[in-house]
Amino acid sequence: GIESPDDIVYLNGCGASAFLVGTSIMKGG
């Protein structure tokens, strides 16, 4: 469900050290 830089900022603030991203990158062109 990670789609935007804002999502990364939010999840980093929640304690995540890394972010696994597939769909939004593959669909982005």
PDB file of all heavy atoms in Angstrom:
ATOM      1  N   GLY A   1       0.781  -1.233   0.000  1.00  0.00           N
ATOM      2  CA  GLY A   1       0.000   0.000   0.000  1.00  0.00           C
ATOM      3  C   GLY A   1       0.808   1.274   0.000  1.00  0.00           C
ATOM      4  O   GLY A   1       0.245   2.368   0.170  1.00  0.00           O
ATOM      5  N   ILE A   2       2.111   1.188  -0.195  1.00  0.00           N
ATOM      6  CA  ILE A   2       2.966   2.377  -0.159  1.00  0.00           C
ATOM      7  C   ILE A   2       3.011   2.996  -1.552  1.00  0.00           C
ATOM      8  O   ILE A   2       3.440   2.353  -2.506  1.00  0.00           O
ATOM      9  CB  ILE A   2       4.384   2.011   0.326  1.00  0.00           C
ATOM     10  CG1 ILE A   2       4.307   1.366   1.717  1.00  0.00           C
ATOM     11  CG2 ILE A   2       5.279   3.240   0.341  1.00  0.00           C
ATOM     12  CD1 ILE A   2       5.614   0.748   2.183  1.00  0.00           C
ATOM     13  N   GLU A   3       2.580   4.239  -1.647  1.00  0.00           N
ATOM     14  CA  GLU A   3       2.455   4.869  -2.953  1.00  0.00           C
ATOM     15  C   GLU A   3       3.205   6.180  -3.093  1.00  0.00           C
ATOM     16  O   GLU A   3       3.600   6.546  -4.207  1.00  0.00           O
ATOM     17  CB  GLU A   3       0.968   5.113  -3.264  1.00  0.00           C
ATOM     18  CG  GLU A   3       0.149   3.828  -3.354  1.00  0.00           C
ATOM     19  CD  GLU A   3      -1.288   4.082  -3.745  1.00  0.00           C
ATOM     20  OE1 GLU A   3      -1.670   5.281  -3.827  1.00  0.00           O
ATOM     21  OE2 GLU A   3      -2.037   3.118  -3.979  1.00  0.00           O
ATOM     22  N   SER A   4       3.413   6.899  -2.018  1.00  0.00           N
ATOM     23  CA  SER A   4       3.933   8.260  -2.134  1.00  0.00           C
ATOM     24  C   SER A   4       5.053   8.533  -1.138  1.00  0.00           C
ATOM     25  O   SER A   4       5.199   7.811  -0.139  1.00  0.00           O
ATOM     26  CB  SER A   4       2.802   9.265  -1.890  1.00  0.00           C
ATOM     27  OG  SER A   4       2.425   9.249  -0.516  1.00  0.00           O
ATOM     28  N   PRO A   5       5.817   9.600  -1.373  1.00  0.00           N
ATOM     29  CA  PRO A   5       6.815  10.019  -0.388  1.00  0.00           C
ATOM     30  C   PRO A   5       6.196  10.296   0.979  1.00  0.00           C
ATOM     31  O   PRO A   5       6.806  10.016   2.009  1.00  0.00           O
ATOM     32  CB  PRO A   5       7.412  11.283  -1.009  1.00  0.00           C
ATOM     33  CG  PRO A   5       7.264  11.072  -2.489  1.00  0.00           C
ATOM     34  CD  PRO A   5       5.941  10.378  -2.636  1.00  0.00           C
ATOM     35  N   ASP A   6       4.983  10.826   0.993  1.00  0.00           N
ATOM     36  CA  ASP A   6       4.301  11.084   2.272  1.00  0.00           C
ATOM     37  C   ASP A   6       4.072   9.786   3.036  1.00  0.00           C
ATOM     38  O   ASP A   6       4.162   9.755   4.271  1.00  0.00           O
ATOM     39  CB  ASP A   6       2.965  11.785   2.029  1.00  0.00           C
ATOM     40  CG  ASP A   6       3.119  13.244   1.633  1.00  0.00           C
ATOM     41  OD1 ASP A   6       4.224  13.796   1.820  1.00  0.00           O
ATOM     42  OD2 ASP A   6       2.146  13.825   1.120  1.00  0.00           O
ATOM     43  N   ASP A   7       3.775   8.705   2.313  1.00  0.00           N
ATOM     44  CA  ASP A   7       3.599   7.408   2.967  1.00  0.00           C
ATOM     45  C   ASP A   7       4.897   6.955   3.631  1.00  0.00           C
ATOM     46  O   ASP A   7       4.900   6.427   4.747  1.00  0.00           O
ATOM     47  CB  ASP A   7       3.164   6.343   1.948  1.00  0.00           C
ATOM     48  CG  ASP A   7       1.767   6.575   1.408  1.00  0.00           C
ATOM     49  OD1 ASP A   7       0.987   7.297   2.061  1.00  0.00           O
ATOM     50  OD2 ASP A   7       1.464   6.024   0.332  1.00  0.00           O
ATOM     51  N   ILE A   8       6.017   7.180   2.939  1.00  0.00           N
ATOM     52  CA  ILE A   8       7.326   6.806   3.488  1.00  0.00           C
ATOM     53  C   ILE A   8       7.601   7.592   4.767  1.00  0.00           C
ATOM     54  O   ILE A   8       8.050   7.026   5.777  1.00  0.00           O
ATOM     55  CB  ILE A   8       8.447   7.062   2.462  1.00  0.00           C
ATOM     56  CG1 ILE A   8       8.247   6.198   1.211  1.00  0.00           C
ATOM     57  CG2 ILE A   8       9.813   6.817   3.088  1.00  0.00           C
ATOM     58  CD1 ILE A   8       8.402   4.724   1.417  1.00  0.00           C
ATOM     59  N   VAL A   9       7.345   8.884   4.736  1.00  0.00           N
ATOM     60  CA  VAL A   9       7.569   9.728   5.915  1.00  0.00           C
ATOM     61  C   VAL A   9       6.716   9.249   7.083  1.00  0.00           C
ATOM     62  O   VAL A   9       7.196   9.124   8.222  1.00  0.00           O
ATOM     63  CB  VAL A   9       7.259  11.202   5.589  1.00  0.00           C
ATOM     64  CG1 VAL A   9       7.300  12.057   6.859  1.00  0.00           C
ATOM     65  CG2 VAL A   9       8.251  11.748   4.562  1.00  0.00           C
ATOM     66  N   TYR A  10       5.461   8.970   6.819  1.00  0.00           N
ATOM     67  CA  TYR A  10       4.555   8.495   7.868  1.00  0.00           C
ATOM     68  C   TYR A  10       5.025   7.173   8.455  1.00  0.00           C
ATOM     69  O   TYR A  10       5.134   7.012   9.688  1.00  0.00           O
ATOM     70  CB  TYR A  10       3.143   8.359   7.306  1.00  0.00           C
ATOM     71  CG  TYR A  10       2.200   7.581   8.186  1.00  0.00           C
ATOM     72  CD1 TYR A  10       1.783   8.087   9.422  1.00  0.00           C
ATOM     73  CD2 TYR A  10       1.727   6.334   7.789  1.00  0.00           C
ATOM     74  CE1 TYR A  10       0.924   7.366  10.235  1.00  0.00           C
ATOM     75  CE2 TYR A  10       0.863   5.610   8.593  1.00  0.00           C
ATOM     76  CZ  TYR A  10       0.462   6.128   9.814  1.00  0.00           C
ATOM     77  OH  TYR A  10      -0.387   5.407  10.627  1.00  0.00           O
ATOM     78  N   LEU A  11       5.339   6.214   7.601  1.00  0.00           N
ATOM     79  CA  LEU A  11       5.728   4.878   8.071  1.00  0.00           C
ATOM     80  C   LEU A  11       7.076   4.902   8.769  1.00  0.00           C
ATOM     81  O   LEU A  11       7.296   4.152   9.726  1.00  0.00           O
ATOM     82  CB  LEU A  11       5.744   3.908   6.891  1.00  0.00           C
ATOM     83  CG  LEU A  11       4.362   3.640   6.274  1.00  0.00           C
ATOM     84  CD1 LEU A  11       4.501   2.916   4.940  1.00  0.00           C
ATOM     85  CD2 LEU A  11       3.480   2.844   7.231  1.00  0.00           C
ATOM     86  N   ASN A  12       7.966   5.764   8.334  1.00  0.00           N
ATOM     87  CA  ASN A  12       9.243   5.933   9.034  1.00  0.00           C
ATOM     88  C   ASN A  12       8.990   6.440  10.459  1.00  0.00           C
ATOM     89  O   ASN A  12       9.631   5.979  11.411  1.00  0.00           O
ATOM     90  CB  ASN A  12      10.127   6.914   8.267  1.00  0.00           C
ATOM     91  CG  ASN A  12      11.457   7.156   8.936  1.00  0.00           C
ATOM     92  OD1 ASN A  12      12.306   6.281   9.008  1.00  0.00           O
ATOM     93  ND2 ASN A  12      11.647   8.375   9.443  1.00  0.00           N
ATOM     94  N   GLY A  13       8.055   7.340  10.591  1.00  0.00           N
ATOM     95  CA  GLY A  13       7.697   7.847  11.911  1.00  0.00           C
ATOM     96  C   GLY A  13       7.049   6.804  12.795  1.00  0.00           C
ATOM     97  O   GLY A  13       7.057   6.921  14.023  1.00  0.00           O
ATOM     98  N   CYS A  14       6.499   5.755  12.163  1.00  0.00           N
ATOM     99  CA  CYS A  14       5.881   4.664  12.913  1.00  0.00           C
ATOM    100  C   CYS A  14       6.905   3.633  13.371  1.00  0.00           C
ATOM    101  O   CYS A  14       6.549   2.699  14.115  1.00  0.00           O
ATOM    102  CB  CYS A  14       4.828   3.958  12.062  1.00  0.00           C
ATOM    103  SG  CYS A  14       3.415   4.986  11.611  1.00  0.00           S
ATOM    104  N   GLY A  15       8.150   3.769  12.922  1.00  0.00           N
ATOM    105  CA  GLY A  15       9.186   2.850  13.357  1.00  0.00           C
ATOM    106  C   GLY A  15       9.701   1.894  12.299  1.00  0.00           C
ATOM    107  O   GLY A  15      10.550   1.053  12.586  1.00  0.00           O
ATOM    108  N   ALA A  16       9.224   2.016  11.072  1.00  0.00           N
ATOM    109  CA  ALA A  16       9.714   1.151  10.001  1.00  0.00           C
ATOM    110  C   ALA A  16      11.102   1.590   9.554  1.00  0.00           C
ATOM    111  O   ALA A  16      11.347   2.779   9.345  1.00  0.00           O
ATOM    112  CB  ALA A  16       8.749   1.166   8.819  1.00  0.00           C
ATOM    113  N   SER A  17      11.991   0.612   9.399  1.00  0.00           N
ATOM    114  CA  SER A  17      13.363   0.907   8.973  1.00  0.00           C
ATOM    115  C   SER A  17      13.536   0.827   7.475  1.00  0.00           C
ATOM    116  O   SER A  17      14.498   1.370   6.919  1.00  0.00           O
ATOM    117  CB  SER A  17      14.335  -0.096   9.618  1.00  0.00           C
ATOM    118  OG  SER A  17      14.261  -0.039  11.017  1.00  0.00           O
ATOM    119  N   ALA A  18      12.635   0.118   6.802  1.00  0.00           N
ATOM    120  CA  ALA A  18      12.696  -0.033   5.350  1.00  0.00           C
ATOM    121  C   ALA A  18      11.274  -0.227   4.839  1.00  0.00           C
ATOM    122  O   ALA A  18      10.338  -0.460   5.617  1.00  0.00           O
ATOM    123  CB  ALA A  18      13.586  -1.217   4.963  1.00  0.00           C
ATOM    124  N   PHE A  19      11.141  -0.157   3.507  1.00  0.00           N
ATOM    125  CA  PHE A  19       9.814  -0.111   2.916  1.00  0.00           C
ATOM    126  C   PHE A  19       9.802  -0.979   1.663  1.00  0.00           C
ATOM    127  O   PHE A  19      10.566  -0.727   0.731  1.00  0.00           O
ATOM    128  CB  PHE A  19       9.443   1.339   2.587  1.00  0.00           C
ATOM    129  CG  PHE A  19       9.792   2.280   3.709  1.00  0.00           C
ATOM    130  CD1 PHE A  19      11.053   2.879   3.761  1.00  0.00           C
ATOM    131  CD2 PHE A  19       8.908   2.517   4.747  1.00  0.00           C
ATOM    132  CE1 PHE A  19      11.409   3.718   4.813  1.00  0.00           C
ATOM    133  CE2 PHE A  19       9.254   3.343   5.803  1.00  0.00           C
ATOM    134  CZ  PHE A  19      10.509   3.945   5.839  1.00  0.00           C
ATOM    135  N   LEU A  20       8.942  -1.999   1.663  1.00  0.00           N
ATOM    136  CA  LEU A  20       8.839  -2.888   0.510  1.00  0.00           C
ATOM    137  C   LEU A  20       7.718  -2.381  -0.384  1.00  0.00           C
ATOM    138  O   LEU A  20       6.564  -2.314   0.037  1.00  0.00           O
ATOM    139  CB  LEU A  20       8.579  -4.321   0.970  1.00  0.00           C
ATOM    140  CG  LEU A  20       8.796  -5.413  -0.078  1.00  0.00           C
ATOM    141  CD1 LEU A  20       9.110  -6.750   0.600  1.00  0.00           C
ATOM    142  CD2 LEU A  20       7.604  -5.582  -1.006  1.00  0.00           C
ATOM    143  N   VAL A  21       8.079  -2.026  -1.607  1.00  0.00           N
ATOM    144  CA  VAL A  21       7.130  -1.377  -2.516  1.00  0.00           C
ATOM    145  C   VAL A  21       7.149  -2.089  -3.862  1.00  0.00           C
ATOM    146  O   VAL A  21       8.210  -2.239  -4.473  1.00  0.00           O
ATOM    147  CB  VAL A  21       7.473   0.111  -2.731  1.00  0.00           C
ATOM    148  CG1 VAL A  21       6.344   0.805  -3.493  1.00  0.00           C
ATOM    149  CG2 VAL A  21       7.746   0.813  -1.401  1.00  0.00           C
ATOM    150  N   GLY A  22       5.993  -2.525  -4.306  1.00  0.00           N
ATOM    151  CA  GLY A  22       5.911  -3.200  -5.591  1.00  0.00           C
ATOM    152  C   GLY A  22       4.952  -2.551  -6.548  1.00  0.00           C
ATOM    153  O   GLY A  22       5.338  -1.970  -7.553  1.00  0.00           O
ATOM    154  N   THR A  23       3.660  -2.607  -6.232  1.00  0.00           N
ATOM    155  CA  THR A  23       2.622  -2.218  -7.178  1.00  0.00           C
ATOM    156  C   THR A  23       2.769  -0.796  -7.691  1.00  0.00           C
ATOM    157  O   THR A  23       2.718  -0.550  -8.893  1.00  0.00           O
ATOM    158  CB  THR A  23       1.232  -2.404  -6.544  1.00  0.00           C
ATOM    159  OG1 THR A  23       1.059  -3.775  -6.174  1.00  0.00           O
ATOM    160  CG2 THR A  23       0.129  -2.005  -7.510  1.00  0.00           C
ATOM    161  N   SER A  24       2.955   0.167  -6.794  1.00  0.00           N
ATOM    162  CA  SER A  24       2.985   1.566  -7.231  1.00  0.00           C
ATOM    163  C   SER A  24       4.175   1.850  -8.143  1.00  0.00           C
ATOM    164  O   SER A  24       4.085   2.667  -9.061  1.00  0.00           O
ATOM    165  CB  SER A  24       2.997   2.510  -6.024  1.00  0.00           C
ATOM    166  OG  SER A  24       4.166   2.346  -5.240  1.00  0.00           O
ATOM    167  N   ILE A  25       5.299   1.171  -7.905  1.00  0.00           N
ATOM    168  CA  ILE A  25       6.469   1.351  -8.773  1.00  0.00           C
ATOM    169  C   ILE A  25       6.242   0.676 -10.123  1.00  0.00           C
ATOM    170  O   ILE A  25       6.516   1.253 -11.185  1.00  0.00           O
ATOM    171  CB  ILE A  25       7.734   0.787  -8.095  1.00  0.00           C
ATOM    172  CG1 ILE A  25       8.105   1.646  -6.883  1.00  0.00           C
ATOM    173  CG2 ILE A  25       8.904   0.722  -9.083  1.00  0.00           C
ATOM    174  CD1 ILE A  25       9.224   1.080  -6.038  1.00  0.00           C
ATOM    175  N   MET A  26       5.699  -0.538 -10.112  1.00  0.00           N
ATOM    176  CA  MET A  26       5.480  -1.273 -11.356  1.00  0.00           C
ATOM    177  C   MET A  26       4.430  -0.600 -12.235  1.00  0.00           C
ATOM    178  O   MET A  26       4.507  -0.636 -13.461  1.00  0.00           O
ATOM    179  CB  MET A  26       5.054  -2.709 -11.042  1.00  0.00           C
ATOM    180  CG  MET A  26       6.123  -3.571 -10.389  1.00  0.00           C
ATOM    181  SD  MET A  26       7.533  -3.945 -11.468  1.00  0.00           S
ATOM    182  CE  MET A  26       6.780  -5.027 -12.683  1.00  0.00           C
ATOM    183  N   LYS A  27       3.443   0.031 -11.613  1.00  0.00           N
ATOM    184  CA  LYS A  27       2.376   0.667 -12.382  1.00  0.00           C
ATOM    185  C   LYS A  27       2.714   2.089 -12.809  1.00  0.00           C
ATOM    186  O   LYS A  27       2.017   2.673 -13.646  1.00  0.00           O
ATOM    187  CB  LYS A  27       1.078   0.707 -11.546  1.00  0.00           C
ATOM    188  CG  LYS A  27       0.429  -0.647 -11.338  1.00  0.00           C
ATOM    189  CD  LYS A  27      -0.806  -0.525 -10.475  1.00  0.00           C
ATOM    190  CE  LYS A  27      -1.896   0.272 -11.168  1.00  0.00           C
ATOM    191  NZ  LYS A  27      -3.146   0.299 -10.357  1.00  0.00           N
ATOM    192  N   GLY A  28       3.786   2.625 -12.252  1.00  0.00           N
ATOM    193  CA  GLY A  28       4.058   4.040 -12.446  1.00  0.00           C
ATOM    194  C   GLY A  28       4.575   4.441 -13.809  1.00  0.00           C
ATOM    195  O   GLY A  28       4.593   5.627 -14.148  1.00  0.00           O
ATOM    196  N   GLY A  29       5.031   3.485 -14.601  1.00  0.00           N
ATOM    197  CA  GLY A  29       5.524   3.814 -15.934  1.00  0.00           C
ATOM    198  C   GLY A  29       7.020   4.020 -15.992  1.00  0.00           C
ATOM    199  O   GLY A  29       7.710   3.335 -16.727  1.00  0.00           O
TER     200      GLY A  29
END
